């Protein structure tokens, strides 16, 4: 399945993920939300924010980004800081 098919992942994010070499859900799962966000930040520093991180994680979990628990957000932030 392509990342563009993930619920909640917008077309711009899907396009940019593809530009950094993440085209499939399997590739996104392997990179993880933090790894994918780091790749996006390297390639598109002015565009990439924590909203991209939340959106990617929520898409992987198949939930709306607004339902992403604070505990998971904190775990992602901790991982991002390492």
N, C-alpha and C. Protein backbone atom coordinates (compact mmCIF):
# COMPACT_ATOMS: atom_id res chain seq x y z
N UNK A 1 0.85 -1.18 0.00
CA UNK A 1 0.00 0.00 0.00
C UNK A 1 0.90 1.25 0.00
N UNK A 2 0.50 2.25 -0.74
CA UNK A 2 1.25 3.50 -0.81
C UNK A 2 0.89 4.42 0.36
N UNK A 3 1.84 5.26 0.75
CA UNK A 3 1.57 6.19 1.85
C UNK A 3 0.43 7.13 1.50
N UNK A 4 0.25 7.41 0.23
CA UNK A 4 -0.83 8.29 -0.20
C UNK A 4 -2.20 7.71 0.14
N UNK A 5 -2.27 6.40 0.36
CA UNK A 5 -3.53 5.74 0.67
C UNK A 5 -3.86 5.75 2.16
N UNK A 6 -2.92 6.20 2.98
CA UNK A 6 -3.16 6.23 4.43
C UNK A 6 -4.19 7.30 4.78
N UNK A 7 -5.13 6.92 5.60
CA UNK A 7 -6.14 7.85 6.09
C UNK A 7 -5.47 8.93 6.94
N UNK A 8 -5.81 10.16 6.65
CA UNK A 8 -5.32 11.25 7.48
C UNK A 8 -3.99 11.84 7.05
N UNK A 9 -3.33 11.21 6.10
CA UNK A 9 -2.06 11.75 5.62
C UNK A 9 -2.36 12.56 4.37
N UNK A 10 -2.11 13.85 4.43
CA UNK A 10 -2.47 14.72 3.33
C UNK A 10 -1.61 14.52 2.09
N UNK A 11 -2.06 15.05 0.97
CA UNK A 11 -1.34 14.88 -0.29
C UNK A 11 0.05 15.50 -0.29
N UNK A 12 0.22 16.63 0.36
CA UNK A 12 1.55 17.26 0.41
C UNK A 12 2.52 16.41 1.22
N UNK A 13 2.07 15.91 2.35
CA UNK A 13 2.93 15.06 3.17
C UNK A 13 3.28 13.79 2.42
N UNK A 14 2.30 13.18 1.78
CA UNK A 14 2.55 11.97 1.00
C UNK A 14 3.57 12.24 -0.11
N UNK A 15 3.41 13.36 -0.79
CA UNK A 15 4.32 13.73 -1.87
C UNK A 15 5.74 13.94 -1.34
N UNK A 16 5.84 14.63 -0.24
CA UNK A 16 7.17 14.90 0.32
C UNK A 16 7.82 13.63 0.87
N UNK A 17 7.02 12.75 1.46
CA UNK A 17 7.56 11.47 1.90
C UNK A 17 8.12 10.70 0.71
N UNK A 18 7.40 10.73 -0.39
CA UNK A 18 7.87 10.06 -1.60
C UNK A 18 9.18 10.66 -2.08
N UNK A 19 9.30 11.97 -1.98
CA UNK A 19 10.53 12.65 -2.42
C UNK A 19 11.74 12.29 -1.57
N UNK A 20 11.50 11.86 -0.33
CA UNK A 20 12.62 11.43 0.53
C UNK A 20 12.77 9.91 0.53
N UNK A 21 12.06 9.25 -0.39
CA UNK A 21 12.24 7.81 -0.56
C UNK A 21 11.32 6.92 0.24
N UNK A 22 10.27 7.50 0.79
CA UNK A 22 9.29 6.71 1.55
C UNK A 22 7.99 6.72 0.76
N UNK A 23 7.79 5.64 0.00
CA UNK A 23 6.62 5.54 -0.88
C UNK A 23 5.54 4.61 -0.35
N UNK A 24 5.95 3.61 0.39
CA UNK A 24 4.99 2.59 0.83
C UNK A 24 4.79 2.64 2.34
N UNK A 25 3.70 2.05 2.77
CA UNK A 25 3.42 1.98 4.21
C UNK A 25 4.51 1.16 4.89
N UNK A 26 4.99 0.10 4.22
CA UNK A 26 6.04 -0.72 4.81
C UNK A 26 7.31 0.12 5.04
N UNK A 27 7.66 0.95 4.09
CA UNK A 27 8.84 1.82 4.25
C UNK A 27 8.61 2.81 5.38
N UNK A 28 7.39 3.32 5.49
CA UNK A 28 7.08 4.27 6.56
C UNK A 28 7.14 3.58 7.92
N UNK A 29 6.63 2.37 8.00
CA UNK A 29 6.69 1.61 9.24
C UNK A 29 8.14 1.34 9.64
N UNK A 30 8.98 1.01 8.66
CA UNK A 30 10.39 0.74 8.94
C UNK A 30 11.10 2.00 9.43
N UNK A 31 10.81 3.13 8.82
CA UNK A 31 11.43 4.40 9.23
C UNK A 31 10.88 4.86 10.57
N UNK A 32 9.61 4.56 10.82
CA UNK A 32 8.94 5.05 12.01
C UNK A 32 8.59 6.52 11.83
N UNK A 33 7.69 6.99 12.65
CA UNK A 33 7.25 8.38 12.54
C UNK A 33 8.41 9.35 12.75
N UNK A 34 9.26 9.07 13.73
CA UNK A 34 10.38 9.97 14.02
C UNK A 34 11.39 9.96 12.88
N UNK A 35 11.74 8.78 12.40
CA UNK A 35 12.69 8.69 11.29
C UNK A 35 12.18 9.38 10.05
N UNK A 36 10.91 9.18 9.75
CA UNK A 36 10.31 9.84 8.59
C UNK A 36 10.29 11.36 8.77
N UNK A 37 9.96 11.79 9.97
CA UNK A 37 9.93 13.23 10.25
C UNK A 37 11.33 13.84 10.14
N UNK A 38 12.34 13.12 10.60
CA UNK A 38 13.72 13.60 10.46
C UNK A 38 14.10 13.74 9.00
N UNK A 39 13.72 12.76 8.18
CA UNK A 39 14.01 12.83 6.75
C UNK A 39 13.31 14.02 6.12
N UNK A 40 12.07 14.25 6.51
CA UNK A 40 11.34 15.41 5.99
C UNK A 40 12.00 16.71 6.44
N UNK A 41 12.40 16.76 7.70
CA UNK A 41 13.03 17.98 8.25
C UNK A 41 14.34 18.29 7.52
N UNK A 42 15.10 17.23 7.20
CA UNK A 42 16.36 17.44 6.46
C UNK A 42 16.09 18.00 5.07
N UNK A 43 15.06 17.48 4.42
CA UNK A 43 14.76 17.88 3.04
C UNK A 43 13.92 19.15 2.95
N UNK A 44 13.04 19.34 3.91
CA UNK A 44 12.10 20.47 3.88
C UNK A 44 12.05 21.16 5.24
N UNK A 45 13.16 21.78 5.65
CA UNK A 45 13.25 22.31 7.02
C UNK A 45 12.20 23.37 7.36
N UNK A 46 11.83 24.20 6.43
CA UNK A 46 10.87 25.27 6.73
C UNK A 46 9.44 24.74 6.79
N UNK A 47 9.18 23.63 6.16
CA UNK A 47 7.83 23.08 6.09
C UNK A 47 7.53 22.13 7.24
N UNK A 48 8.52 21.38 7.67
CA UNK A 48 8.28 20.28 8.61
C UNK A 48 8.17 20.78 10.05
N UNK A 49 7.06 20.40 10.69
CA UNK A 49 6.83 20.78 12.08
C UNK A 49 6.40 19.55 12.86
N UNK A 50 6.10 19.75 14.11
CA UNK A 50 5.61 18.65 14.93
C UNK A 50 4.27 18.13 14.40
N UNK A 51 3.53 18.97 13.71
CA UNK A 51 2.27 18.51 13.13
C UNK A 51 2.50 17.38 12.14
N UNK A 52 3.60 17.43 11.41
CA UNK A 52 3.93 16.34 10.50
C UNK A 52 4.20 15.06 11.29
N UNK A 53 4.92 15.18 12.39
CA UNK A 53 5.21 14.03 13.24
C UNK A 53 3.91 13.42 13.78
N UNK A 54 3.03 14.27 14.30
CA UNK A 54 1.76 13.78 14.84
C UNK A 54 0.94 13.11 13.73
N UNK A 55 0.90 13.74 12.57
CA UNK A 55 0.12 13.20 11.46
C UNK A 55 0.62 11.86 10.97
N UNK A 56 1.93 11.72 10.88
CA UNK A 56 2.52 10.46 10.44
C UNK A 56 2.22 9.36 11.45
N UNK A 57 2.43 9.64 12.73
CA UNK A 57 2.16 8.62 13.75
C UNK A 57 0.69 8.24 13.76
N UNK A 58 -0.18 9.21 13.68
CA UNK A 58 -1.62 8.92 13.68
C UNK A 58 -2.00 8.10 12.46
N UNK A 59 -1.42 8.41 11.31
CA UNK A 59 -1.72 7.64 10.10
C UNK A 59 -1.27 6.19 10.26
N UNK A 60 -0.10 6.00 10.87
CA UNK A 60 0.38 4.64 11.11
C UNK A 60 -0.54 3.89 12.07
N UNK A 61 -1.14 4.59 12.99
CA UNK A 61 -2.05 3.98 13.96
C UNK A 61 -3.49 3.91 13.45
N UNK A 62 -3.71 4.51 12.28
CA UNK A 62 -5.03 4.55 11.65
C UNK A 62 -6.07 5.27 12.51
N UNK A 63 -5.61 6.41 13.08
CA UNK A 63 -6.52 7.26 13.86
C UNK A 63 -6.37 8.69 13.37
N UNK A 64 -7.31 9.52 13.73
CA UNK A 64 -7.23 10.94 13.43
C UNK A 64 -6.13 11.54 14.31
N UNK A 65 -5.36 12.46 13.76
CA UNK A 65 -4.24 13.03 14.52
C UNK A 65 -4.69 13.70 15.81
N UNK A 66 -5.90 14.17 15.84
CA UNK A 66 -6.41 14.82 17.06
C UNK A 66 -6.69 13.82 18.17
N UNK A 67 -6.70 12.53 17.83
CA UNK A 67 -6.92 11.49 18.83
C UNK A 67 -5.61 10.90 19.34
N UNK A 68 -4.50 11.41 18.85
CA UNK A 68 -3.20 10.90 19.28
C UNK A 68 -3.00 11.23 20.76
N UNK A 69 -2.85 10.20 21.59
CA UNK A 69 -2.72 10.44 23.03
C UNK A 69 -1.46 11.26 23.38
N UNK A 70 -1.60 12.08 24.40
CA UNK A 70 -0.47 12.91 24.86
C UNK A 70 0.73 12.04 25.24
N UNK A 71 0.48 10.88 25.79
CA UNK A 71 1.57 9.98 26.17
C UNK A 71 2.41 9.58 24.95
N UNK A 72 1.75 9.31 23.84
CA UNK A 72 2.47 8.95 22.62
C UNK A 72 3.21 10.16 22.07
N UNK A 73 2.58 11.32 22.13
CA UNK A 73 3.27 12.54 21.67
C UNK A 73 4.55 12.75 22.47
N UNK A 74 4.48 12.55 23.78
CA UNK A 74 5.67 12.73 24.62
C UNK A 74 6.74 11.70 24.27
N UNK A 75 6.35 10.46 24.02
CA UNK A 75 7.31 9.43 23.62
C UNK A 75 8.00 9.81 22.31
N UNK A 76 7.22 10.33 21.37
CA UNK A 76 7.78 10.75 20.08
C UNK A 76 8.75 11.91 20.27
N UNK A 77 8.39 12.87 21.12
CA UNK A 77 9.27 14.00 21.39
C UNK A 77 10.58 13.53 22.03
N UNK A 78 10.47 12.60 22.97
CA UNK A 78 11.67 12.06 23.62
C UNK A 78 12.57 11.39 22.59
N UNK A 79 11.98 10.60 21.71
CA UNK A 79 12.76 9.92 20.68
C UNK A 79 13.37 10.94 19.70
N UNK A 80 12.63 11.96 19.37
CA UNK A 80 13.12 12.99 18.44
C UNK A 80 14.33 13.72 19.03
N UNK A 81 14.35 13.91 20.33
CA UNK A 81 15.42 14.64 21.00
C UNK A 81 16.70 13.81 21.12
N UNK A 82 16.61 12.49 20.97
CA UNK A 82 17.79 11.64 21.08
C UNK A 82 18.64 11.73 19.85
